[in-house]
Structure formats: C-alpha cells, structure tokens
Amino acid sequence: MKEAVHSPEHYTKGIEVIKFTNSWNLNFPRGSVVKYICRGGIKDPLTEIQDLEKAKKYIDFEIERLKSVQAIRN
C-alpha cells in the first residue's frame, strides 16, 4: 500500500522538499516556489503548467515583499 500522507512518492524524489526548504530556512513564498518547481507535474502530469504558474505567483509575491522592505528602508 502506498503511503498517501507521510512521504508519498511524489514528495520523496531524492530528498523531501520540506527538508530542503527547512535546511535553507526559506520563508513561505520561497519554499513554495521550490515545492512547485520540484513537484511540478509529478503528482499529475496534466497540472504541470498550473504548478509552474503557482511557482511564478509565489516569485511575484516575494518580489513585492522585497520591494516593500526596500521602500521602508529608503
């Protein structure tokens, strides 16, 4: 029986993404980018483009956050 909750196959291609993002201490948007890039299309090949669009959205969130931080500093 495949484990659907703990370490499902699409989460464990080498290293679990959450372990990688935690080891780099990535914030939520950056961790989400890594997650969607790494898992894109693996769970469901029909959603690969959607997964990459989600990664792109989180990149945009992070860029806007950084711009806000820079604006406050200036």
C-alpha atoms as a PDB file:
ATOM      1  CA  MET A   1       0.000   0.000   0.000  1.00  0.00           C
ATOM      2  CA  LYS A   2       1.339   3.422  -0.931  1.00  0.00           C
ATOM      3  CA  GLU A   3       1.538   5.964   1.854  1.00  0.00           C
ATOM      4  CA  ALA A   4      -0.626   8.950   0.904  1.00  0.00           C
ATOM      5  CA  VAL A   5       0.081  11.160   3.928  1.00  0.00           C
ATOM      6  CA  HIS A   6       3.628  10.520   5.148  1.00  0.00           C
ATOM      7  CA  SER A   7       6.279  10.595   2.441  1.00  0.00           C
ATOM      8  CA  PRO A   8       4.165   9.896  -0.644  1.00  0.00           C
ATOM      9  CA  GLU A   9       6.157   9.059  -3.759  1.00  0.00           C
ATOM     10  CA  HIS A  10       5.737  12.493  -5.371  1.00  0.00           C
ATOM     11  CA  TYR A  11       7.257  14.092  -2.242  1.00  0.00           C
ATOM     12  CA  THR A  12      10.337  11.892  -1.988  1.00  0.00           C
ATOM     13  CA  LYS A  13      12.285  12.002  -5.239  1.00  0.00           C
ATOM     14  CA  GLY A  14      15.670  12.033  -3.516  1.00  0.00           C
ATOM     15  CA  ILE A  15      15.083  14.429  -0.624  1.00  0.00           C
ATOM     16  CA  GLU A  16      11.743  15.662   0.646  1.00  0.00           C
ATOM     17  CA  VAL A  17      11.251  19.250  -0.440  1.00  0.00           C
ATOM     18  CA  ILE A  18      10.247  20.326   3.063  1.00  0.00           C
ATOM     19  CA  LYS A  19      13.572  19.059   4.432  1.00  0.00           C
ATOM     20  CA  PHE A  20      15.426  21.027   1.767  1.00  0.00           C
ATOM     21  CA  THR A  21      13.466  24.255   2.317  1.00  0.00           C
ATOM     22  CA  ASN A  22      13.818  23.952   6.089  1.00  0.00           C
ATOM     23  CA  SER A  23      17.560  23.339   5.842  1.00  0.00           C
ATOM     24  CA  TRP A  24      17.895  26.594   3.884  1.00  0.00           C
ATOM     25  CA  ASN A  25      15.490  28.365   6.254  1.00  0.00           C
ATOM     26  CA  LEU A  26      13.368  29.578   3.323  1.00  0.00           C
ATOM     27  CA  ASN A  27      10.316  31.705   4.005  1.00  0.00           C
ATOM     28  CA  PHE A  28       6.899  30.522   2.810  1.00  0.00           C
ATOM     29  CA  PRO A  29       6.940  32.099  -0.683  1.00  0.00           C
ATOM     30  CA  ARG A  30      10.444  30.873  -1.486  1.00  0.00           C
ATOM     31  CA  GLY A  31       9.720  27.421  -0.103  1.00  0.00           C
ATOM     32  CA  SER A  32       6.552  27.269  -2.170  1.00  0.00           C
ATOM     33  CA  VAL A  33       8.499  28.151  -5.323  1.00  0.00           C
ATOM     34  CA  VAL A  34      10.897  25.286  -4.682  1.00  0.00           C
ATOM     35  CA  LYS A  35       7.998  22.946  -3.923  1.00  0.00           C
ATOM     36  CA  TYR A  36       6.054  23.732  -7.085  1.00  0.00           C
ATOM     37  CA  ILE A  37       9.162  23.589  -9.282  1.00  0.00           C
ATOM     38  CA  CYS A  38      10.329  20.261  -7.837  1.00  0.00           C
ATOM     39  CA  ARG A  39       6.944  18.568  -7.799  1.00  0.00           C
ATOM     40  CA  GLY A  40       5.547  20.159 -10.954  1.00  0.00           C
ATOM     41  CA  GLY A  41       3.757  17.549 -12.998  1.00  0.00           C
ATOM     42  CA  ILE A  42       4.932  14.620 -10.875  1.00  0.00           C
ATOM     43  CA  LYS A  43       1.708  14.071  -8.944  1.00  0.00           C
ATOM     44  CA  ASP A  44      -0.408  14.801 -12.017  1.00  0.00           C
ATOM     45  CA  PRO A  45       1.233  15.426 -15.408  1.00  0.00           C
ATOM     46  CA  LEU A  46      -1.876  17.303 -16.502  1.00  0.00           C
ATOM     47  CA  THR A  47      -1.240  20.038 -13.909  1.00  0.00           C
ATOM     48  CA  GLU A  48       2.416  20.725 -14.707  1.00  0.00           C
ATOM     49  CA  ILE A  49       1.728  24.135 -16.263  1.00  0.00           C
ATOM     50  CA  GLN A  50      -0.548  25.043 -13.355  1.00  0.00           C
ATOM     51  CA  ASP A  51       2.189  24.041 -10.890  1.00  0.00           C
ATOM     52  CA  LEU A  52       4.710  26.256 -12.680  1.00  0.00           C
ATOM     53  CA  GLU A  53       2.221  29.138 -12.740  1.00  0.00           C
ATOM     54  CA  LYS A  54       1.851  28.749  -8.970  1.00  0.00           C
ATOM     55  CA  ALA A  55       5.648  28.925  -8.600  1.00  0.00           C
ATOM     56  CA  LYS A  56       5.652  32.085 -10.698  1.00  0.00           C
ATOM     57  CA  LYS A  57       2.948  33.614  -8.496  1.00  0.00           C
ATOM     58  CA  TYR A  58       5.000  32.955  -5.353  1.00  0.00           C
ATOM     59  CA  ILE A  59       8.044  34.538  -7.014  1.00  0.00           C
ATOM     60  CA  ASP A  60       5.909  37.621  -7.657  1.00  0.00           C
ATOM     61  CA  PHE A  61       4.779  37.633  -4.001  1.00  0.00           C
ATOM     62  CA  GLU A  62       8.394  37.523  -2.844  1.00  0.00           C
ATOM     63  CA  ILE A  63       9.486  40.272  -5.241  1.00  0.00           C
ATOM     64  CA  GLU A  64       6.691  42.529  -3.984  1.00  0.00           C
ATOM     65  CA  ARG A  65       7.622  41.782  -0.373  1.00  0.00           C
ATOM     66  CA  LEU A  66      11.242  42.695  -1.040  1.00  0.00           C
ATOM     67  CA  LYS A  67      10.236  45.902  -2.823  1.00  0.00           C
ATOM     68  CA  SER A  68       8.145  46.871   0.217  1.00  0.00           C
ATOM     69  CA  VAL A  69      11.064  46.210   2.550  1.00  0.00           C
ATOM     70  CA  GLN A  70      13.375  48.304   0.374  1.00  0.00           C
ATOM     71  CA  ALA A  71      10.844  51.143   0.244  1.00  0.00           C
ATOM     72  CA  ILE A  72      10.643  51.200   4.036  1.00  0.00           C
ATOM     73  CA  ARG A  73      14.447  51.285   4.323  1.00  0.00           C
ATOM     74  CA  ASN A  74      14.743  54.187   1.881  1.00  0.00           C
END
